[in-house]
N, C-alpha and C. Protein backbone atom coordinates (compact mmCIF):
# COMPACT_ATOMS: atom_id res chain seq x y z
N UNK A 1 -30.76 -28.45 46.18
CA UNK A 1 -29.70 -29.28 45.59
C UNK A 1 -28.58 -28.37 45.08
N UNK A 2 -27.35 -28.66 45.41
CA UNK A 2 -26.22 -27.85 44.97
C UNK A 2 -25.93 -28.10 43.50
N UNK A 3 -25.78 -27.02 42.73
CA UNK A 3 -25.52 -27.14 41.31
C UNK A 3 -24.04 -27.36 41.06
N UNK A 4 -23.74 -28.19 40.07
CA UNK A 4 -22.37 -28.40 39.66
C UNK A 4 -21.93 -27.19 38.86
N UNK A 5 -21.32 -26.21 39.53
CA UNK A 5 -21.04 -24.92 38.90
C UNK A 5 -20.01 -25.01 37.80
N UNK A 6 -19.20 -26.07 37.76
CA UNK A 6 -18.17 -26.20 36.73
C UNK A 6 -18.77 -26.07 35.33
N UNK A 7 -19.98 -26.60 35.14
CA UNK A 7 -20.60 -26.61 33.83
C UNK A 7 -21.28 -25.29 33.48
N UNK A 8 -21.23 -24.32 34.36
CA UNK A 8 -21.98 -23.08 34.14
C UNK A 8 -21.08 -21.86 34.29
N UNK A 9 -19.85 -21.98 33.84
CA UNK A 9 -18.91 -20.86 33.94
C UNK A 9 -18.39 -20.51 32.56
N UNK A 10 -17.95 -19.25 32.42
CA UNK A 10 -17.38 -18.82 31.15
C UNK A 10 -16.13 -19.58 30.80
N UNK A 11 -15.37 -19.95 31.82
CA UNK A 11 -14.14 -20.70 31.57
C UNK A 11 -14.46 -22.08 30.99
N UNK A 12 -15.52 -22.71 31.47
CA UNK A 12 -15.93 -24.02 30.96
C UNK A 12 -16.39 -23.89 29.51
N UNK A 13 -17.22 -22.89 29.24
CA UNK A 13 -17.76 -22.70 27.90
C UNK A 13 -16.84 -21.82 27.06
N UNK A 14 -15.59 -22.25 26.91
CA UNK A 14 -14.65 -21.55 26.05
C UNK A 14 -15.01 -21.81 24.59
N UNK A 15 -14.33 -21.11 23.68
CA UNK A 15 -14.67 -21.19 22.26
C UNK A 15 -14.61 -22.62 21.74
N UNK A 16 -13.58 -23.39 22.14
CA UNK A 16 -13.47 -24.75 21.62
C UNK A 16 -14.65 -25.61 22.05
N UNK A 17 -15.21 -25.33 23.24
CA UNK A 17 -16.36 -26.11 23.67
C UNK A 17 -17.61 -25.73 22.88
N UNK A 18 -17.75 -24.44 22.54
CA UNK A 18 -18.88 -24.03 21.70
C UNK A 18 -18.78 -24.67 20.33
N UNK A 19 -17.57 -24.79 19.79
CA UNK A 19 -17.41 -25.50 18.53
C UNK A 19 -17.83 -26.95 18.68
N UNK A 20 -17.47 -27.56 19.81
CA UNK A 20 -17.86 -28.94 20.06
C UNK A 20 -19.38 -29.08 20.11
N UNK A 21 -20.05 -28.14 20.77
CA UNK A 21 -21.51 -28.17 20.82
C UNK A 21 -22.09 -28.18 19.41
N UNK A 22 -21.53 -27.31 18.54
CA UNK A 22 -22.06 -27.20 17.18
C UNK A 22 -21.86 -28.50 16.41
N UNK A 23 -20.66 -29.09 16.50
CA UNK A 23 -20.39 -30.32 15.76
C UNK A 23 -21.25 -31.48 16.28
N UNK A 24 -21.46 -31.53 17.59
CA UNK A 24 -22.35 -32.57 18.14
C UNK A 24 -23.75 -32.45 17.55
N UNK A 25 -24.29 -31.23 17.59
CA UNK A 25 -25.67 -31.04 17.11
C UNK A 25 -25.76 -31.28 15.61
N UNK A 26 -24.72 -30.91 14.87
CA UNK A 26 -24.73 -31.12 13.42
C UNK A 26 -24.73 -32.61 13.08
N UNK A 27 -23.96 -33.41 13.80
CA UNK A 27 -23.96 -34.85 13.54
C UNK A 27 -25.30 -35.47 13.92
N UNK A 28 -25.91 -35.00 15.00
CA UNK A 28 -27.25 -35.50 15.36
C UNK A 28 -28.25 -35.17 14.26
N UNK A 29 -28.21 -33.95 13.76
CA UNK A 29 -29.15 -33.56 12.69
C UNK A 29 -28.94 -34.40 11.43
N UNK A 30 -27.69 -34.81 11.22
CA UNK A 30 -27.40 -35.63 10.04
C UNK A 30 -28.14 -36.97 10.08
N UNK A 31 -28.46 -37.45 11.28
CA UNK A 31 -29.17 -38.72 11.40
C UNK A 31 -30.67 -38.57 11.15
N UNK A 32 -31.15 -37.33 11.01
CA UNK A 32 -32.57 -37.04 10.76
C UNK A 32 -33.46 -37.59 11.87
N UNK A 33 -32.95 -37.56 13.07
CA UNK A 33 -33.72 -38.09 14.21
C UNK A 33 -34.78 -37.09 14.66
N UNK A 34 -35.92 -37.60 15.05
CA UNK A 34 -36.96 -36.79 15.67
C UNK A 34 -36.91 -36.90 17.18
N UNK A 35 -36.24 -37.95 17.67
CA UNK A 35 -36.07 -38.11 19.11
C UNK A 35 -34.62 -38.52 19.38
N UNK A 36 -34.03 -37.92 20.40
CA UNK A 36 -32.63 -38.13 20.73
C UNK A 36 -32.51 -38.32 22.25
N UNK A 37 -31.61 -39.20 22.64
CA UNK A 37 -31.25 -39.32 24.05
C UNK A 37 -29.82 -38.83 24.19
N UNK A 38 -29.62 -37.84 25.07
CA UNK A 38 -28.28 -37.31 25.31
C UNK A 38 -27.76 -37.89 26.63
N UNK A 39 -26.67 -38.62 26.54
CA UNK A 39 -26.03 -39.21 27.71
C UNK A 39 -24.93 -38.25 28.18
N UNK A 40 -25.09 -37.70 29.38
CA UNK A 40 -24.14 -36.70 29.87
C UNK A 40 -24.54 -35.33 29.37
N UNK A 41 -25.48 -34.70 30.06
CA UNK A 41 -26.11 -33.48 29.53
C UNK A 41 -25.31 -32.22 29.80
N UNK A 42 -24.34 -32.25 30.72
CA UNK A 42 -23.59 -31.04 31.01
C UNK A 42 -24.50 -29.89 31.39
N UNK A 43 -24.31 -28.75 30.73
CA UNK A 43 -25.18 -27.59 31.02
C UNK A 43 -26.36 -27.49 30.06
N UNK A 44 -26.61 -28.55 29.28
CA UNK A 44 -27.78 -28.68 28.40
C UNK A 44 -27.74 -27.76 27.19
N UNK A 45 -26.60 -27.22 26.86
CA UNK A 45 -26.51 -26.37 25.68
C UNK A 45 -26.91 -27.12 24.42
N UNK A 46 -26.40 -28.34 24.25
CA UNK A 46 -26.69 -29.10 23.04
C UNK A 46 -28.15 -29.55 23.01
N UNK A 47 -28.65 -30.04 24.14
CA UNK A 47 -30.05 -30.49 24.16
C UNK A 47 -30.99 -29.33 23.90
N UNK A 48 -30.69 -28.15 24.42
CA UNK A 48 -31.54 -26.99 24.16
C UNK A 48 -31.48 -26.57 22.70
N UNK A 49 -30.30 -26.66 22.10
CA UNK A 49 -30.16 -26.34 20.69
C UNK A 49 -30.97 -27.31 19.83
N UNK A 50 -30.89 -28.61 20.15
CA UNK A 50 -31.65 -29.60 19.39
C UNK A 50 -33.15 -29.37 19.55
N UNK A 51 -33.58 -29.04 20.76
CA UNK A 51 -35.01 -28.78 20.98
C UNK A 51 -35.49 -27.60 20.15
N UNK A 52 -34.67 -26.57 20.02
CA UNK A 52 -35.05 -25.41 19.20
C UNK A 52 -35.16 -25.78 17.73
N UNK A 53 -34.55 -26.91 17.36
CA UNK A 53 -34.66 -27.40 15.99
C UNK A 53 -35.78 -28.43 15.84
N UNK A 54 -36.65 -28.51 16.86
CA UNK A 54 -37.81 -29.38 16.76
C UNK A 54 -37.55 -30.83 17.08
N UNK A 55 -36.44 -31.14 17.71
CA UNK A 55 -36.10 -32.52 18.06
C UNK A 55 -36.44 -32.77 19.52
N UNK A 56 -37.11 -33.87 19.78
CA UNK A 56 -37.42 -34.25 21.15
C UNK A 56 -36.18 -34.85 21.80
N UNK A 57 -35.81 -34.34 22.97
CA UNK A 57 -34.58 -34.77 23.63
C UNK A 57 -34.87 -35.25 25.05
N UNK A 58 -34.32 -36.40 25.40
CA UNK A 58 -34.33 -36.90 26.76
C UNK A 58 -32.89 -36.90 27.26
N UNK A 59 -32.63 -36.23 28.39
CA UNK A 59 -31.27 -36.17 28.93
C UNK A 59 -31.11 -37.17 30.07
N UNK A 60 -29.93 -37.80 30.10
CA UNK A 60 -29.59 -38.76 31.15
C UNK A 60 -28.21 -38.40 31.68
N UNK A 61 -28.08 -38.31 32.99
CA UNK A 61 -26.79 -38.01 33.59
C UNK A 61 -26.75 -38.63 34.99
N UNK A 62 -25.54 -38.96 35.44
CA UNK A 62 -25.43 -39.53 36.78
C UNK A 62 -25.27 -38.45 37.86
N UNK A 63 -25.28 -37.18 37.46
CA UNK A 63 -25.15 -36.07 38.39
C UNK A 63 -26.51 -35.37 38.53
N UNK A 64 -27.22 -35.60 39.63
CA UNK A 64 -28.55 -34.99 39.77
C UNK A 64 -28.53 -33.47 39.81
N UNK A 65 -27.39 -32.86 40.18
CA UNK A 65 -27.34 -31.40 40.27
C UNK A 65 -27.46 -30.74 38.90
N UNK A 66 -27.25 -31.51 37.81
CA UNK A 66 -27.38 -30.96 36.47
C UNK A 66 -28.82 -30.97 35.98
N UNK A 67 -29.72 -31.58 36.73
CA UNK A 67 -31.13 -31.59 36.38
C UNK A 67 -31.49 -32.39 35.14
N UNK A 68 -30.92 -33.59 34.97
CA UNK A 68 -31.29 -34.40 33.80
C UNK A 68 -32.73 -34.90 33.92
N UNK A 69 -33.27 -35.29 32.78
CA UNK A 69 -34.63 -35.87 32.80
C UNK A 69 -34.64 -37.19 33.56
N UNK A 70 -33.55 -37.94 33.44
CA UNK A 70 -33.42 -39.19 34.18
C UNK A 70 -32.02 -39.30 34.76
N UNK A 71 -31.93 -39.81 35.98
CA UNK A 71 -30.64 -40.10 36.60
C UNK A 71 -30.21 -41.48 36.13
N UNK A 72 -28.99 -41.59 35.64
CA UNK A 72 -28.54 -42.90 35.19
C UNK A 72 -27.08 -42.92 34.82
N UNK A 73 -26.53 -44.11 34.79
CA UNK A 73 -25.13 -44.34 34.46
C UNK A 73 -25.05 -44.97 33.08
N UNK A 74 -24.05 -44.58 32.29
CA UNK A 74 -23.95 -45.08 30.92
C UNK A 74 -23.73 -46.59 30.87
N UNK A 75 -23.27 -47.18 31.96
CA UNK A 75 -23.07 -48.64 31.97
C UNK A 75 -24.34 -49.40 32.26
N UNK A 76 -25.33 -48.75 32.84
CA UNK A 76 -26.61 -49.39 33.16
C UNK A 76 -27.72 -48.35 32.95
N UNK A 77 -27.99 -48.02 31.72
CA UNK A 77 -28.94 -46.96 31.41
C UNK A 77 -30.36 -47.38 31.78
N UNK A 78 -31.11 -46.51 32.44
CA UNK A 78 -32.48 -46.83 32.84
C UNK A 78 -33.46 -46.61 31.69
N UNK A 79 -33.19 -47.29 30.58
CA UNK A 79 -33.95 -47.07 29.35
C UNK A 79 -34.23 -48.41 28.68
N UNK A 80 -35.35 -48.49 27.97
CA UNK A 80 -35.65 -49.74 27.26
C UNK A 80 -34.78 -49.91 26.02
N UNK A 81 -34.81 -51.09 25.46
CA UNK A 81 -34.11 -51.33 24.20
C UNK A 81 -34.67 -50.42 23.12
N UNK A 82 -33.77 -49.93 22.27
CA UNK A 82 -34.14 -49.09 21.12
C UNK A 82 -35.06 -47.95 21.54
N UNK A 83 -34.62 -47.22 22.54
CA UNK A 83 -35.45 -46.16 23.12
C UNK A 83 -35.53 -44.92 22.23
N UNK A 84 -34.53 -44.70 21.36
CA UNK A 84 -34.55 -43.55 20.49
C UNK A 84 -33.74 -43.85 19.24
N UNK A 85 -34.07 -43.17 18.16
CA UNK A 85 -33.35 -43.39 16.90
C UNK A 85 -31.86 -43.09 17.06
N UNK A 86 -31.55 -41.98 17.78
CA UNK A 86 -30.17 -41.53 17.89
C UNK A 86 -29.80 -41.28 19.34
N UNK A 87 -28.62 -41.76 19.73
CA UNK A 87 -28.06 -41.50 21.05
C UNK A 87 -26.85 -40.59 20.88
N UNK A 88 -26.79 -39.54 21.68
CA UNK A 88 -25.63 -38.64 21.70
C UNK A 88 -24.86 -38.89 22.98
N UNK A 89 -23.58 -39.20 22.83
CA UNK A 89 -22.72 -39.43 24.00
C UNK A 89 -21.39 -38.73 23.73
N UNK A 90 -21.30 -37.48 24.18
CA UNK A 90 -20.15 -36.64 23.85
C UNK A 90 -19.31 -36.34 25.08
N UNK A 91 -18.03 -36.67 25.00
CA UNK A 91 -17.08 -36.39 26.07
C UNK A 91 -17.53 -37.00 27.40
N UNK A 92 -17.89 -38.27 27.34
CA UNK A 92 -18.37 -39.00 28.52
C UNK A 92 -17.52 -40.22 28.82
N UNK A 93 -17.23 -41.03 27.81
CA UNK A 93 -16.67 -42.35 28.07
C UNK A 93 -15.23 -42.33 28.57
N UNK A 94 -14.52 -41.22 28.34
CA UNK A 94 -13.17 -41.11 28.88
C UNK A 94 -13.15 -40.94 30.39
N UNK A 95 -14.34 -40.68 30.96
CA UNK A 95 -14.45 -40.57 32.42
C UNK A 95 -14.61 -41.93 33.09
N UNK A 96 -14.58 -43.00 32.27
CA UNK A 96 -14.64 -44.37 32.78
C UNK A 96 -13.31 -45.06 32.51
N UNK A 97 -12.90 -45.99 33.36
CA UNK A 97 -11.72 -46.79 33.02
C UNK A 97 -11.91 -47.47 31.66
N UNK A 98 -10.83 -47.61 30.90
CA UNK A 98 -10.97 -48.13 29.54
C UNK A 98 -11.55 -49.53 29.50
N UNK A 99 -11.34 -50.31 30.56
CA UNK A 99 -11.92 -51.66 30.56
C UNK A 99 -13.45 -51.63 30.53
N UNK A 100 -14.05 -50.48 30.87
CA UNK A 100 -15.50 -50.33 30.80
C UNK A 100 -15.98 -49.83 29.44
N UNK A 101 -15.04 -49.47 28.56
CA UNK A 101 -15.42 -48.91 27.25
C UNK A 101 -16.28 -49.88 26.43
N UNK A 102 -15.90 -51.16 26.30
CA UNK A 102 -16.76 -52.08 25.53
C UNK A 102 -18.16 -52.22 26.13
N UNK A 103 -18.24 -52.27 27.45
CA UNK A 103 -19.56 -52.39 28.10
C UNK A 103 -20.42 -51.15 27.85
N UNK A 104 -19.78 -49.98 27.88
CA UNK A 104 -20.52 -48.75 27.61
C UNK A 104 -21.01 -48.72 26.17
N UNK A 105 -20.17 -49.15 25.22
CA UNK A 105 -20.59 -49.20 23.83
C UNK A 105 -21.77 -50.15 23.64
N UNK A 106 -21.72 -51.29 24.32
CA UNK A 106 -22.81 -52.26 24.21
C UNK A 106 -24.12 -51.67 24.74
N UNK A 107 -24.03 -50.89 25.81
CA UNK A 107 -25.23 -50.28 26.38
C UNK A 107 -25.77 -49.19 25.46
N UNK A 108 -24.89 -48.41 24.84
CA UNK A 108 -25.34 -47.42 23.87
C UNK A 108 -26.02 -48.09 22.67
N UNK A 109 -25.45 -49.21 22.23
CA UNK A 109 -26.05 -49.94 21.12
C UNK A 109 -27.43 -50.48 21.50
N UNK A 110 -27.57 -50.93 22.72
CA UNK A 110 -28.85 -51.48 23.17
C UNK A 110 -29.97 -50.44 23.11
N UNK A 111 -29.70 -49.22 23.53
CA UNK A 111 -30.78 -48.22 23.62
C UNK A 111 -30.97 -47.45 22.32
N UNK A 112 -30.04 -47.59 21.37
CA UNK A 112 -30.17 -46.90 20.09
C UNK A 112 -30.98 -47.73 19.11
N UNK A 113 -31.90 -47.08 18.42
CA UNK A 113 -32.59 -47.75 17.32
C UNK A 113 -31.67 -47.87 16.12
N UNK A 114 -30.88 -46.81 15.87
CA UNK A 114 -30.07 -46.82 14.65
C UNK A 114 -28.70 -46.19 14.79
N UNK A 115 -28.60 -45.01 15.41
CA UNK A 115 -27.34 -44.26 15.39
C UNK A 115 -26.84 -43.91 16.78
N UNK A 116 -25.52 -43.79 16.89
CA UNK A 116 -24.88 -43.21 18.07
C UNK A 116 -23.89 -42.16 17.58
N UNK A 117 -24.02 -40.95 18.12
CA UNK A 117 -23.03 -39.89 17.89
C UNK A 117 -22.11 -39.89 19.09
N UNK A 118 -20.82 -40.11 18.83
CA UNK A 118 -19.84 -40.28 19.90
C UNK A 118 -18.71 -39.28 19.71
N UNK A 119 -18.31 -38.64 20.80
CA UNK A 119 -17.17 -37.73 20.78
C UNK A 119 -16.23 -38.11 21.92
N UNK A 120 -14.93 -38.15 21.61
CA UNK A 120 -13.91 -38.53 22.58
C UNK A 120 -12.73 -37.58 22.47
N UNK A 121 -12.01 -37.34 23.57
CA UNK A 121 -10.82 -36.49 23.48
C UNK A 121 -9.71 -37.19 22.72
N UNK A 122 -8.96 -36.40 21.94
CA UNK A 122 -7.87 -36.95 21.13
C UNK A 122 -6.61 -36.13 21.36
N UNK A 123 -5.65 -36.75 22.01
CA UNK A 123 -4.38 -36.11 22.31
C UNK A 123 -3.49 -36.13 21.07
N UNK A 124 -2.67 -35.11 20.93
CA UNK A 124 -1.69 -35.08 19.85
C UNK A 124 -1.35 -33.65 19.47
N UNK A 125 -0.41 -33.52 18.55
CA UNK A 125 0.00 -32.21 18.06
C UNK A 125 -0.70 -31.95 16.73
N UNK A 126 -1.25 -30.76 16.59
CA UNK A 126 -2.02 -30.42 15.39
C UNK A 126 -1.35 -29.28 14.64
N UNK A 127 -1.35 -29.40 13.32
CA UNK A 127 -0.90 -28.32 12.45
C UNK A 127 -2.04 -27.97 11.50
N UNK A 128 -2.28 -26.66 11.37
CA UNK A 128 -3.39 -26.21 10.53
C UNK A 128 -2.96 -25.01 9.71
N UNK A 129 -3.24 -25.07 8.41
CA UNK A 129 -3.05 -23.94 7.52
C UNK A 129 -4.40 -23.64 6.88
N UNK A 130 -4.88 -22.43 7.07
CA UNK A 130 -6.21 -22.05 6.58
C UNK A 130 -6.08 -20.80 5.74
N UNK A 131 -6.75 -20.81 4.59
CA UNK A 131 -6.78 -19.59 3.78
C UNK A 131 -8.11 -19.48 3.06
N UNK A 132 -8.45 -18.23 2.73
CA UNK A 132 -9.75 -17.91 2.13
C UNK A 132 -9.54 -17.02 0.93
N UNK A 133 -10.10 -17.44 -0.21
CA UNK A 133 -10.06 -16.64 -1.42
C UNK A 133 -11.45 -16.10 -1.70
N UNK A 134 -11.57 -14.96 -2.35
CA UNK A 134 -12.89 -14.41 -2.66
C UNK A 134 -13.76 -15.40 -3.43
N UNK A 135 -15.01 -15.51 -2.99
CA UNK A 135 -16.03 -16.34 -3.65
C UNK A 135 -15.75 -17.84 -3.55
N UNK A 136 -14.78 -18.22 -2.74
CA UNK A 136 -14.45 -19.64 -2.55
C UNK A 136 -14.50 -19.95 -1.07
N UNK A 137 -15.03 -21.10 -0.74
CA UNK A 137 -15.09 -21.50 0.66
C UNK A 137 -13.69 -21.60 1.25
N UNK A 138 -13.55 -21.36 2.56
CA UNK A 138 -12.23 -21.47 3.19
C UNK A 138 -11.62 -22.86 2.97
N UNK A 139 -10.34 -22.89 2.80
CA UNK A 139 -9.60 -24.14 2.59
C UNK A 139 -8.72 -24.39 3.80
N UNK A 140 -8.84 -25.59 4.36
CA UNK A 140 -8.05 -25.97 5.53
C UNK A 140 -7.13 -27.12 5.18
N UNK A 141 -5.87 -26.97 5.48
CA UNK A 141 -4.93 -28.07 5.43
C UNK A 141 -4.60 -28.42 6.87
N UNK A 142 -4.92 -29.65 7.25
CA UNK A 142 -4.86 -30.02 8.67
C UNK A 142 -4.16 -31.35 8.83
N UNK A 143 -3.33 -31.42 9.85
CA UNK A 143 -2.59 -32.65 10.13
C UNK A 143 -2.53 -32.86 11.63
N UNK A 144 -2.92 -34.06 12.05
CA UNK A 144 -2.82 -34.44 13.47
C UNK A 144 -1.68 -35.44 13.58
N UNK A 145 -0.67 -35.07 14.32
CA UNK A 145 0.53 -35.90 14.43
C UNK A 145 0.50 -36.67 15.75
N UNK A 146 0.56 -38.00 15.68
CA UNK A 146 0.61 -38.78 16.93
C UNK A 146 1.83 -38.38 17.76
N UNK A 147 1.61 -38.26 19.04
CA UNK A 147 2.70 -37.92 19.96
C UNK A 147 2.47 -38.73 21.23
N UNK A 148 2.84 -40.02 21.19
CA UNK A 148 2.53 -40.91 22.32
C UNK A 148 3.02 -40.34 23.65
N UNK A 149 2.14 -40.42 24.60
CA UNK A 149 2.45 -39.92 25.94
C UNK A 149 1.62 -40.72 26.93
N UNK A 150 2.24 -41.15 27.98
CA UNK A 150 1.51 -41.93 28.98
C UNK A 150 0.46 -41.05 29.64
N UNK A 151 -0.76 -41.59 29.74
CA UNK A 151 -1.82 -40.80 30.36
C UNK A 151 -1.69 -40.85 31.88
N UNK A 152 -1.82 -39.68 32.48
CA UNK A 152 -1.79 -39.55 33.93
C UNK A 152 -3.16 -39.11 34.40
N UNK A 153 -3.73 -39.83 35.33
CA UNK A 153 -5.05 -39.50 35.88
C UNK A 153 -5.05 -38.07 36.39
N UNK A 154 -6.00 -37.27 35.89
CA UNK A 154 -6.06 -35.86 36.26
C UNK A 154 -7.32 -35.51 37.05
N UNK A 155 -7.97 -36.55 37.57
CA UNK A 155 -9.20 -36.31 38.29
C UNK A 155 -10.43 -36.31 37.40
N UNK A 156 -10.22 -36.36 36.09
CA UNK A 156 -11.32 -36.31 35.12
C UNK A 156 -11.26 -37.49 34.14
N UNK A 157 -10.17 -37.56 33.39
CA UNK A 157 -10.06 -38.55 32.31
C UNK A 157 -9.20 -39.74 32.73
N UNK A 158 -9.72 -40.93 32.43
CA UNK A 158 -8.94 -42.15 32.65
C UNK A 158 -8.04 -42.46 31.45
N UNK A 159 -8.42 -41.96 30.28
CA UNK A 159 -7.68 -42.26 29.05
C UNK A 159 -8.09 -41.25 27.99
N UNK A 160 -7.29 -41.18 26.94
CA UNK A 160 -7.60 -40.32 25.79
C UNK A 160 -7.02 -40.97 24.54
N UNK A 161 -7.73 -40.83 23.43
CA UNK A 161 -7.18 -41.31 22.16
C UNK A 161 -5.84 -40.61 21.92
N UNK A 162 -4.89 -41.36 21.41
CA UNK A 162 -3.59 -40.80 21.09
C UNK A 162 -2.56 -40.96 22.20
N UNK A 163 -3.01 -41.20 23.42
CA UNK A 163 -2.08 -41.46 24.50
C UNK A 163 -1.54 -42.90 24.35
N UNK A 164 -0.43 -43.18 25.01
CA UNK A 164 0.20 -44.49 24.92
C UNK A 164 -0.80 -45.60 25.30
N UNK A 165 -0.97 -46.55 24.40
CA UNK A 165 -1.89 -47.67 24.64
C UNK A 165 -3.29 -47.43 24.11
N UNK A 166 -3.57 -46.22 23.62
CA UNK A 166 -4.91 -45.91 23.14
C UNK A 166 -4.90 -45.28 21.75
N UNK A 167 -4.29 -45.97 20.77
CA UNK A 167 -4.31 -45.44 19.40
C UNK A 167 -5.72 -45.49 18.84
N UNK A 168 -5.98 -44.67 17.84
CA UNK A 168 -7.33 -44.61 17.28
C UNK A 168 -7.71 -45.96 16.66
N UNK A 169 -6.74 -46.74 16.20
CA UNK A 169 -7.05 -48.07 15.65
C UNK A 169 -7.68 -48.96 16.72
N UNK A 170 -7.23 -48.85 17.95
CA UNK A 170 -7.80 -49.64 19.04
C UNK A 170 -9.24 -49.22 19.31
N UNK A 171 -9.50 -47.92 19.25
CA UNK A 171 -10.86 -47.41 19.48
C UNK A 171 -11.79 -47.90 18.39
N UNK A 172 -11.34 -47.82 17.14
CA UNK A 172 -12.16 -48.29 16.02
C UNK A 172 -12.47 -49.78 16.16
N UNK A 173 -11.47 -50.56 16.58
CA UNK A 173 -11.66 -52.00 16.75
C UNK A 173 -12.73 -52.29 17.80
N UNK A 174 -12.69 -51.58 18.93
CA UNK A 174 -13.70 -51.79 19.97
C UNK A 174 -15.09 -51.38 19.48
N UNK A 175 -15.15 -50.32 18.69
CA UNK A 175 -16.43 -49.87 18.16
C UNK A 175 -17.04 -50.92 17.25
N UNK A 176 -16.25 -51.47 16.34
CA UNK A 176 -16.79 -52.47 15.42
C UNK A 176 -17.11 -53.78 16.15
N UNK A 177 -16.30 -54.15 17.14
CA UNK A 177 -16.60 -55.34 17.93
C UNK A 177 -17.92 -55.20 18.67
N UNK A 178 -18.28 -53.98 19.02
CA UNK A 178 -19.53 -53.75 19.76
C UNK A 178 -20.76 -53.81 18.87
N UNK A 179 -20.57 -53.94 17.57
CA UNK A 179 -21.72 -54.09 16.67
C UNK A 179 -22.12 -52.81 15.95
N UNK A 180 -21.14 -51.95 15.69
CA UNK A 180 -21.38 -50.71 14.96
C UNK A 180 -20.58 -50.69 13.67
N UNK A 181 -21.10 -49.94 12.72
CA UNK A 181 -20.32 -49.54 11.55
C UNK A 181 -20.03 -48.05 11.68
N UNK A 182 -18.80 -47.65 11.43
CA UNK A 182 -18.45 -46.24 11.51
C UNK A 182 -18.87 -45.57 10.20
N UNK A 183 -19.93 -44.80 10.25
CA UNK A 183 -20.44 -44.12 9.07
C UNK A 183 -19.61 -42.88 8.73
N UNK A 184 -19.07 -42.25 9.76
CA UNK A 184 -18.34 -41.00 9.58
C UNK A 184 -17.46 -40.79 10.80
N UNK A 185 -16.25 -40.29 10.57
CA UNK A 185 -15.42 -39.87 11.70
C UNK A 185 -14.54 -38.72 11.24
N UNK A 186 -14.27 -37.81 12.17
CA UNK A 186 -13.47 -36.65 11.78
C UNK A 186 -12.92 -35.94 13.01
N UNK A 187 -11.73 -35.38 12.85
CA UNK A 187 -11.20 -34.38 13.77
C UNK A 187 -11.26 -33.06 13.00
N UNK A 188 -11.99 -32.10 13.50
CA UNK A 188 -12.15 -30.83 12.80
C UNK A 188 -10.96 -29.92 13.08
N UNK A 189 -10.46 -29.22 12.07
CA UNK A 189 -9.27 -28.37 12.27
C UNK A 189 -9.43 -27.31 13.34
N UNK A 190 -10.65 -26.80 13.51
CA UNK A 190 -10.85 -25.76 14.52
C UNK A 190 -11.25 -26.33 15.88
N UNK A 191 -11.28 -27.66 15.99
CA UNK A 191 -11.61 -28.30 17.26
C UNK A 191 -10.79 -29.60 17.38
N UNK A 192 -9.45 -29.49 17.31
CA UNK A 192 -8.60 -30.66 17.13
C UNK A 192 -8.48 -31.58 18.34
N UNK A 193 -8.95 -31.15 19.50
CA UNK A 193 -8.82 -31.99 20.69
C UNK A 193 -9.93 -33.02 20.81
N UNK A 194 -10.92 -32.98 19.90
CA UNK A 194 -12.05 -33.90 19.97
C UNK A 194 -12.12 -34.73 18.68
N UNK A 195 -12.44 -36.00 18.85
CA UNK A 195 -12.59 -36.93 17.71
C UNK A 195 -14.06 -37.35 17.67
N UNK A 196 -14.69 -37.10 16.53
CA UNK A 196 -16.13 -37.35 16.38
C UNK A 196 -16.38 -38.59 15.55
N UNK A 197 -17.35 -39.38 15.98
CA UNK A 197 -17.77 -40.58 15.27
C UNK A 197 -19.28 -40.57 15.10
N UNK A 198 -19.73 -40.96 13.92
CA UNK A 198 -21.14 -41.26 13.70
C UNK A 198 -21.22 -42.76 13.47
N UNK A 199 -21.86 -43.46 14.38
CA UNK A 199 -21.92 -44.92 14.36
C UNK A 199 -23.31 -45.39 14.00
N UNK A 200 -23.37 -46.44 13.18
CA UNK A 200 -24.64 -47.03 12.80
C UNK A 200 -24.71 -48.46 13.35
N UNK A 201 -25.79 -48.76 13.99
CA UNK A 201 -26.00 -50.08 14.59
C UNK A 201 -26.17 -51.12 13.50
N UNK A 202 -25.48 -52.24 13.63
CA UNK A 202 -25.63 -53.31 12.63
C UNK A 202 -25.94 -54.61 13.34
């Protein structure tokens, strides 16, 4: 089977992606899950990290060359209801047309017992001022400025938060309509292209 080499190159695993891996795993750990399902396993960096922390992980991906535990599509997951306490779905849903976003959220809610960790790309201009004083944690002043721009299909993403027609308010509305409460959301100053959500099933 031919491997999808894109996910196994130094260029793919740039610093910002390593930061994304860390934030994904940190949000999963925050849910105190003992079992996690990762939708879209990529090169399995996050699933391997979680496993080293004693968490049981099942990977699902529609690309068999990545060697997931199960082959499946996020719109029709081959999993029973409430299959795991926490579902991780990072940088996946933008690869679907936005009209499929509500259906994907509903499917994530179906297989989650309690939590979904979701990460999506967020377009915009970022300003960051960071400083560190002795014996004090670093202080970050961060601002994400909306800069509406029409999204153009690039062979990967159908849409991104912050592009014309996809404000974060619209994303939040779809999330709550799907039956989730947003427990936590953040754009981290050192990883400003990604928007992280911790969702709780209600």
